[in-house]
Structure formats: C-alpha cells, structure tokens
N, C-alpha and C. Protein backbone atom coordinates (compact mmCIF):
# COMPACT_ATOMS: atom_id res chain seq x y z
N MET A 1 14.37 79.60 258.97
CA MET A 1 15.63 79.96 259.56
C MET A 1 16.47 78.71 259.80
N ILE A 2 17.74 78.82 259.56
CA ILE A 2 18.64 77.70 259.76
C ILE A 2 19.07 77.66 261.21
N GLY A 3 18.79 76.55 261.86
CA GLY A 3 19.12 76.40 263.27
C GLY A 3 20.36 75.55 263.48
N LEU A 4 20.68 75.36 264.73
CA LEU A 4 21.85 74.56 265.09
C LEU A 4 21.69 73.11 264.64
N GLN A 5 20.46 72.61 264.65
CA GLN A 5 20.22 71.23 264.24
C GLN A 5 20.61 70.99 262.78
N HIS A 6 20.39 71.99 261.94
CA HIS A 6 20.75 71.84 260.54
C HIS A 6 22.26 71.74 260.36
N PHE A 7 22.99 72.55 261.10
CA PHE A 7 24.45 72.47 261.06
C PHE A 7 24.93 71.10 261.55
N MET A 8 24.31 70.61 262.60
CA MET A 8 24.71 69.31 263.15
C MET A 8 24.40 68.18 262.17
N LEU A 9 23.29 68.29 261.46
CA LEU A 9 22.93 67.27 260.48
C LEU A 9 23.92 67.23 259.32
N VAL A 10 24.29 68.40 258.82
CA VAL A 10 25.28 68.46 257.73
C VAL A 10 26.64 67.95 258.22
N SER A 11 27.01 68.33 259.43
CA SER A 11 28.27 67.88 260.00
C SER A 11 28.30 66.36 260.19
N ALA A 12 27.21 65.81 260.68
CA ALA A 12 27.14 64.35 260.83
C ALA A 12 27.22 63.65 259.48
N GLY A 13 26.59 64.23 258.46
CA GLY A 13 26.67 63.66 257.13
C GLY A 13 28.09 63.67 256.58
N LEU A 14 28.78 64.80 256.75
CA LEU A 14 30.18 64.89 256.30
C LEU A 14 31.05 63.88 257.04
N PHE A 15 30.84 63.76 258.34
CA PHE A 15 31.64 62.83 259.12
C PHE A 15 31.41 61.39 258.66
N CYS A 16 30.15 61.03 258.42
CA CYS A 16 29.84 59.67 257.98
C CYS A 16 30.41 59.38 256.59
N ILE A 17 30.37 60.35 255.70
CA ILE A 17 30.95 60.17 254.37
C ILE A 17 32.45 59.98 254.48
N GLY A 18 33.10 60.79 255.30
CA GLY A 18 34.54 60.64 255.50
C GLY A 18 34.90 59.29 256.10
N LEU A 19 34.13 58.85 257.07
CA LEU A 19 34.38 57.54 257.69
C LEU A 19 34.19 56.42 256.68
N PHE A 20 33.16 56.53 255.83
CA PHE A 20 32.93 55.52 254.81
C PHE A 20 34.10 55.46 253.82
N ILE A 21 34.62 56.62 253.45
CA ILE A 21 35.75 56.66 252.52
C ILE A 21 36.98 56.00 253.15
N ILE A 22 37.23 56.29 254.42
CA ILE A 22 38.39 55.70 255.09
C ILE A 22 38.28 54.18 255.15
N VAL A 23 37.09 53.69 255.44
CA VAL A 23 36.91 52.24 255.60
C VAL A 23 36.91 51.52 254.25
N SER A 24 36.37 52.16 253.21
CA SER A 24 36.16 51.43 251.95
C SER A 24 37.30 51.59 250.93
N LYS A 25 38.08 52.62 251.02
CA LYS A 25 39.10 52.87 250.00
C LYS A 25 40.45 52.29 250.41
N LYS A 26 41.25 51.97 249.40
CA LYS A 26 42.59 51.44 249.63
C LYS A 26 43.68 52.40 249.19
N ASN A 27 43.33 53.38 248.39
CA ASN A 27 44.28 54.37 247.90
C ASN A 27 44.61 55.34 249.03
N ALA A 28 45.88 55.60 249.26
CA ALA A 28 46.30 56.45 250.38
C ALA A 28 45.80 57.88 250.23
N ILE A 29 45.73 58.39 249.03
CA ILE A 29 45.25 59.76 248.83
C ILE A 29 43.75 59.84 249.10
N GLN A 30 43.00 58.84 248.72
CA GLN A 30 41.57 58.82 249.01
C GLN A 30 41.32 58.70 250.51
N ILE A 31 42.15 57.95 251.20
CA ILE A 31 42.03 57.86 252.66
C ILE A 31 42.31 59.22 253.28
N LEU A 32 43.30 59.93 252.76
CA LEU A 32 43.61 61.28 253.26
C LEU A 32 42.44 62.23 253.02
N ILE A 33 41.77 62.11 251.89
CA ILE A 33 40.59 62.93 251.61
C ILE A 33 39.48 62.63 252.61
N GLY A 34 39.30 61.35 252.96
CA GLY A 34 38.30 60.98 253.96
C GLY A 34 38.61 61.58 255.32
N ILE A 35 39.87 61.58 255.69
CA ILE A 35 40.27 62.18 256.97
C ILE A 35 39.99 63.68 256.95
N GLU A 36 40.27 64.33 255.82
CA GLU A 36 40.00 65.76 255.72
C GLU A 36 38.51 66.06 255.82
N LEU A 37 37.68 65.23 255.24
CA LEU A 37 36.23 65.42 255.37
C LEU A 37 35.79 65.32 256.83
N MET A 38 36.37 64.37 257.56
CA MET A 38 36.01 64.24 258.97
C MET A 38 36.47 65.45 259.77
N LEU A 39 37.64 65.97 259.46
CA LEU A 39 38.13 67.16 260.16
C LEU A 39 37.30 68.39 259.81
N ASN A 40 36.84 68.47 258.57
CA ASN A 40 35.96 69.58 258.19
C ASN A 40 34.62 69.50 258.90
N ALA A 41 34.15 68.30 259.15
CA ALA A 41 32.91 68.15 259.92
C ALA A 41 33.11 68.66 261.35
N ALA A 42 34.26 68.38 261.94
CA ALA A 42 34.54 68.90 263.28
C ALA A 42 34.64 70.42 263.26
N ASN A 43 35.26 70.98 262.23
CA ASN A 43 35.34 72.45 262.12
C ASN A 43 33.96 73.07 261.95
N LEU A 44 33.10 72.42 261.21
CA LEU A 44 31.73 72.92 261.06
C LEU A 44 31.02 72.94 262.41
N ASN A 45 31.24 71.92 263.22
CA ASN A 45 30.67 71.91 264.57
C ASN A 45 31.19 73.08 265.39
N LEU A 46 32.48 73.33 265.33
CA LEU A 46 33.05 74.44 266.09
C LEU A 46 32.46 75.78 265.67
N VAL A 47 32.34 75.99 264.37
CA VAL A 47 31.79 77.25 263.88
C VAL A 47 30.31 77.37 264.24
N ALA A 48 29.57 76.28 264.14
CA ALA A 48 28.14 76.33 264.45
C ALA A 48 27.91 76.63 265.93
N PHE A 49 28.66 75.98 266.80
CA PHE A 49 28.50 76.27 268.22
C PHE A 49 28.99 77.67 268.55
N GLY A 50 30.02 78.13 267.85
CA GLY A 50 30.50 79.49 268.06
C GLY A 50 29.51 80.54 267.59
N ARG A 51 28.74 80.21 266.57
CA ARG A 51 27.73 81.16 266.08
C ARG A 51 26.63 81.39 267.11
N TYR A 52 26.26 80.36 267.82
CA TYR A 52 25.19 80.47 268.79
C TYR A 52 25.69 80.84 270.18
N ASP A 53 26.99 81.02 270.33
CA ASP A 53 27.55 81.49 271.60
C ASP A 53 27.68 83.00 271.51
N ARG A 54 26.87 83.72 272.26
CA ARG A 54 26.84 85.18 272.17
C ARG A 54 27.93 85.85 272.99
N ILE A 55 28.66 85.10 273.80
CA ILE A 55 29.64 85.70 274.70
C ILE A 55 30.93 86.05 273.96
N ASN A 56 31.49 85.11 273.25
CA ASN A 56 32.75 85.37 272.53
C ASN A 56 32.79 84.57 271.24
N ASN A 57 33.83 84.75 270.47
CA ASN A 57 34.00 84.06 269.20
C ASN A 57 35.02 82.93 269.31
N GLY A 58 35.00 82.21 270.41
CA GLY A 58 35.97 81.15 270.64
C GLY A 58 35.87 80.02 269.64
N GLY A 59 34.66 79.67 269.22
CA GLY A 59 34.48 78.58 268.26
C GLY A 59 35.09 78.89 266.92
N GLN A 60 34.86 80.10 266.44
CA GLN A 60 35.42 80.49 265.15
C GLN A 60 36.94 80.58 265.20
N MET A 61 37.46 81.11 266.28
CA MET A 61 38.92 81.23 266.40
C MET A 61 39.58 79.85 266.49
N PHE A 62 38.97 78.94 267.25
CA PHE A 62 39.52 77.60 267.36
C PHE A 62 39.43 76.87 266.02
N ALA A 63 38.33 77.08 265.28
CA ALA A 63 38.20 76.46 263.96
C ALA A 63 39.25 76.99 263.00
N LEU A 64 39.52 78.28 263.05
CA LEU A 64 40.56 78.86 262.20
C LEU A 64 41.93 78.27 262.52
N PHE A 65 42.22 78.11 263.80
CA PHE A 65 43.47 77.49 264.22
C PHE A 65 43.54 76.04 263.75
N ALA A 66 42.42 75.32 263.84
CA ALA A 66 42.38 73.92 263.40
C ALA A 66 42.58 73.82 261.89
N ILE A 67 42.05 74.76 261.13
CA ILE A 67 42.23 74.74 259.67
C ILE A 67 43.69 74.92 259.31
N VAL A 68 44.37 75.81 260.01
CA VAL A 68 45.80 76.02 259.75
C VAL A 68 46.59 74.75 260.06
N LEU A 69 46.27 74.11 261.19
CA LEU A 69 46.96 72.85 261.53
C LEU A 69 46.65 71.75 260.53
N GLU A 70 45.42 71.68 260.06
CA GLU A 70 45.06 70.67 259.07
C GLU A 70 45.81 70.87 257.77
N ALA A 71 46.01 72.11 257.36
CA ALA A 71 46.77 72.37 256.12
C ALA A 71 48.21 71.89 256.28
N ALA A 72 48.79 72.13 257.43
CA ALA A 72 50.17 71.69 257.66
C ALA A 72 50.26 70.16 257.67
N THR A 73 49.33 69.51 258.36
CA THR A 73 49.38 68.05 258.42
C THR A 73 49.08 67.42 257.06
N THR A 74 48.24 68.04 256.27
CA THR A 74 47.97 67.52 254.92
C THR A 74 49.22 67.61 254.05
N ALA A 75 49.94 68.71 254.16
CA ALA A 75 51.18 68.84 253.39
C ALA A 75 52.19 67.77 253.79
N VAL A 76 52.31 67.51 255.08
CA VAL A 76 53.23 66.46 255.55
C VAL A 76 52.76 65.08 255.07
N ALA A 77 51.46 64.83 255.17
CA ALA A 77 50.93 63.53 254.74
C ALA A 77 51.15 63.31 253.25
N LEU A 78 50.94 64.34 252.44
CA LEU A 78 51.19 64.20 251.01
C LEU A 78 52.67 63.96 250.71
N ALA A 79 53.55 64.59 251.46
CA ALA A 79 54.98 64.34 251.28
C ALA A 79 55.32 62.90 251.64
N ILE A 80 54.73 62.38 252.69
CA ILE A 80 54.97 60.98 253.06
C ILE A 80 54.44 60.05 251.98
N ILE A 81 53.25 60.34 251.46
CA ILE A 81 52.68 59.50 250.41
C ILE A 81 53.55 59.52 249.16
N LEU A 82 54.09 60.67 248.80
CA LEU A 82 54.98 60.75 247.64
C LEU A 82 56.26 59.94 247.86
N ASN A 83 56.83 59.98 249.05
CA ASN A 83 58.02 59.19 249.34
C ASN A 83 57.72 57.69 249.33
N VAL A 84 56.56 57.32 249.83
CA VAL A 84 56.17 55.90 249.77
C VAL A 84 55.99 55.47 248.32
N TYR A 85 55.41 56.33 247.49
CA TYR A 85 55.24 56.00 246.09
C TYR A 85 56.59 55.85 245.38
N ARG A 86 57.53 56.71 245.70
CA ARG A 86 58.86 56.60 245.09
C ARG A 86 59.55 55.30 245.47
N ARG A 87 59.33 54.86 246.70
CA ARG A 87 60.01 53.64 247.16
C ARG A 87 59.32 52.37 246.68
N TYR A 88 57.99 52.30 246.81
CA TYR A 88 57.26 51.07 246.52
C TYR A 88 56.52 51.08 245.18
N LYS A 89 56.43 52.23 244.51
CA LYS A 89 55.73 52.39 243.23
C LYS A 89 54.24 52.05 243.32
N THR A 90 53.66 52.25 244.49
CA THR A 90 52.23 52.08 244.69
C THR A 90 51.79 52.91 245.87
N ILE A 91 50.50 53.29 245.86
CA ILE A 91 49.94 53.98 247.03
C ILE A 91 48.76 53.20 247.59
N ASP A 92 48.65 51.94 247.20
CA ASP A 92 47.63 51.05 247.75
C ASP A 92 48.06 50.67 249.17
N ALA A 93 47.23 50.99 250.14
CA ALA A 93 47.59 50.79 251.54
C ALA A 93 47.82 49.31 251.87
N ASP A 94 47.05 48.41 251.27
CA ASP A 94 47.22 46.98 251.54
C ASP A 94 48.55 46.46 250.98
N LYS A 95 48.90 46.89 249.79
CA LYS A 95 50.16 46.45 249.18
C LYS A 95 51.37 47.00 249.93
N ILE A 96 51.27 48.23 250.39
CA ILE A 96 52.37 48.84 251.15
C ILE A 96 52.60 48.09 252.45
N ASN A 97 51.51 47.68 253.08
CA ASN A 97 51.62 46.93 254.34
C ASN A 97 52.28 45.56 254.10
N GLN A 98 52.05 44.95 252.94
CA GLN A 98 52.64 43.64 252.64
C GLN A 98 54.08 43.75 252.18
N LEU A 99 54.53 44.93 251.74
CA LEU A 99 55.88 45.10 251.20
C LEU A 99 56.89 45.52 252.26
N LYS A 100 56.58 45.35 253.52
CA LYS A 100 57.52 45.74 254.57
C LYS A 100 58.82 44.96 254.45
N ASP A 101 59.91 45.63 254.80
CA ASP A 101 61.23 44.96 254.74
C ASP A 101 61.41 43.99 255.89
C-alpha cells in the first residue's frame, strides 16, 4: 500500500530536481521549468495531506486553486521572457543582467 511517506519522498525528489535546475541553468525558460517543478512538489504535498485528512477535502481544493494560479503566473512569466527576448535577443539570465541600461 502506498503511504504518506511515499508521497513525501516523491515530492522531495521533485523539489530537489527543480531546485537543481534553478541553480544550474542559465536559460530563463529552463529556470521557469524548475520553478514549476517546485510548485508541483508543493501541490503533491497538499493533495497527499488532503488524502489522509478524513474530515474535509481542503488539501485538494487548495491544490486546485494553486494550479490555476500557477497557470496564470506561467503565462505572465512566458510573456515577460518573450519581451526580454525581443529587446535583448537572448534569454540567458547572466547576459540579460549584464545588458542593463
């Protein structure tokens, strides 16, 4: 049987992979993917704790709300990345930081 510990282990793995991507990558889209992995790990925690809470479905409802917010923020972040690419012709985070006016 799959217990809460298994969900926590998978969630911790996702979070660590996302953190590694954020620290090691320079491409803005790859950094955004790392952030999304970390947010999905948090959503997995919410759903796992909600599954073992017999009183109400608060964890699942909060995770659903968080997924909707994440979709909106991802769309905004991609729009910002596209505008930065149009202006600087690169999405390398280090080069963008050096090209400040």
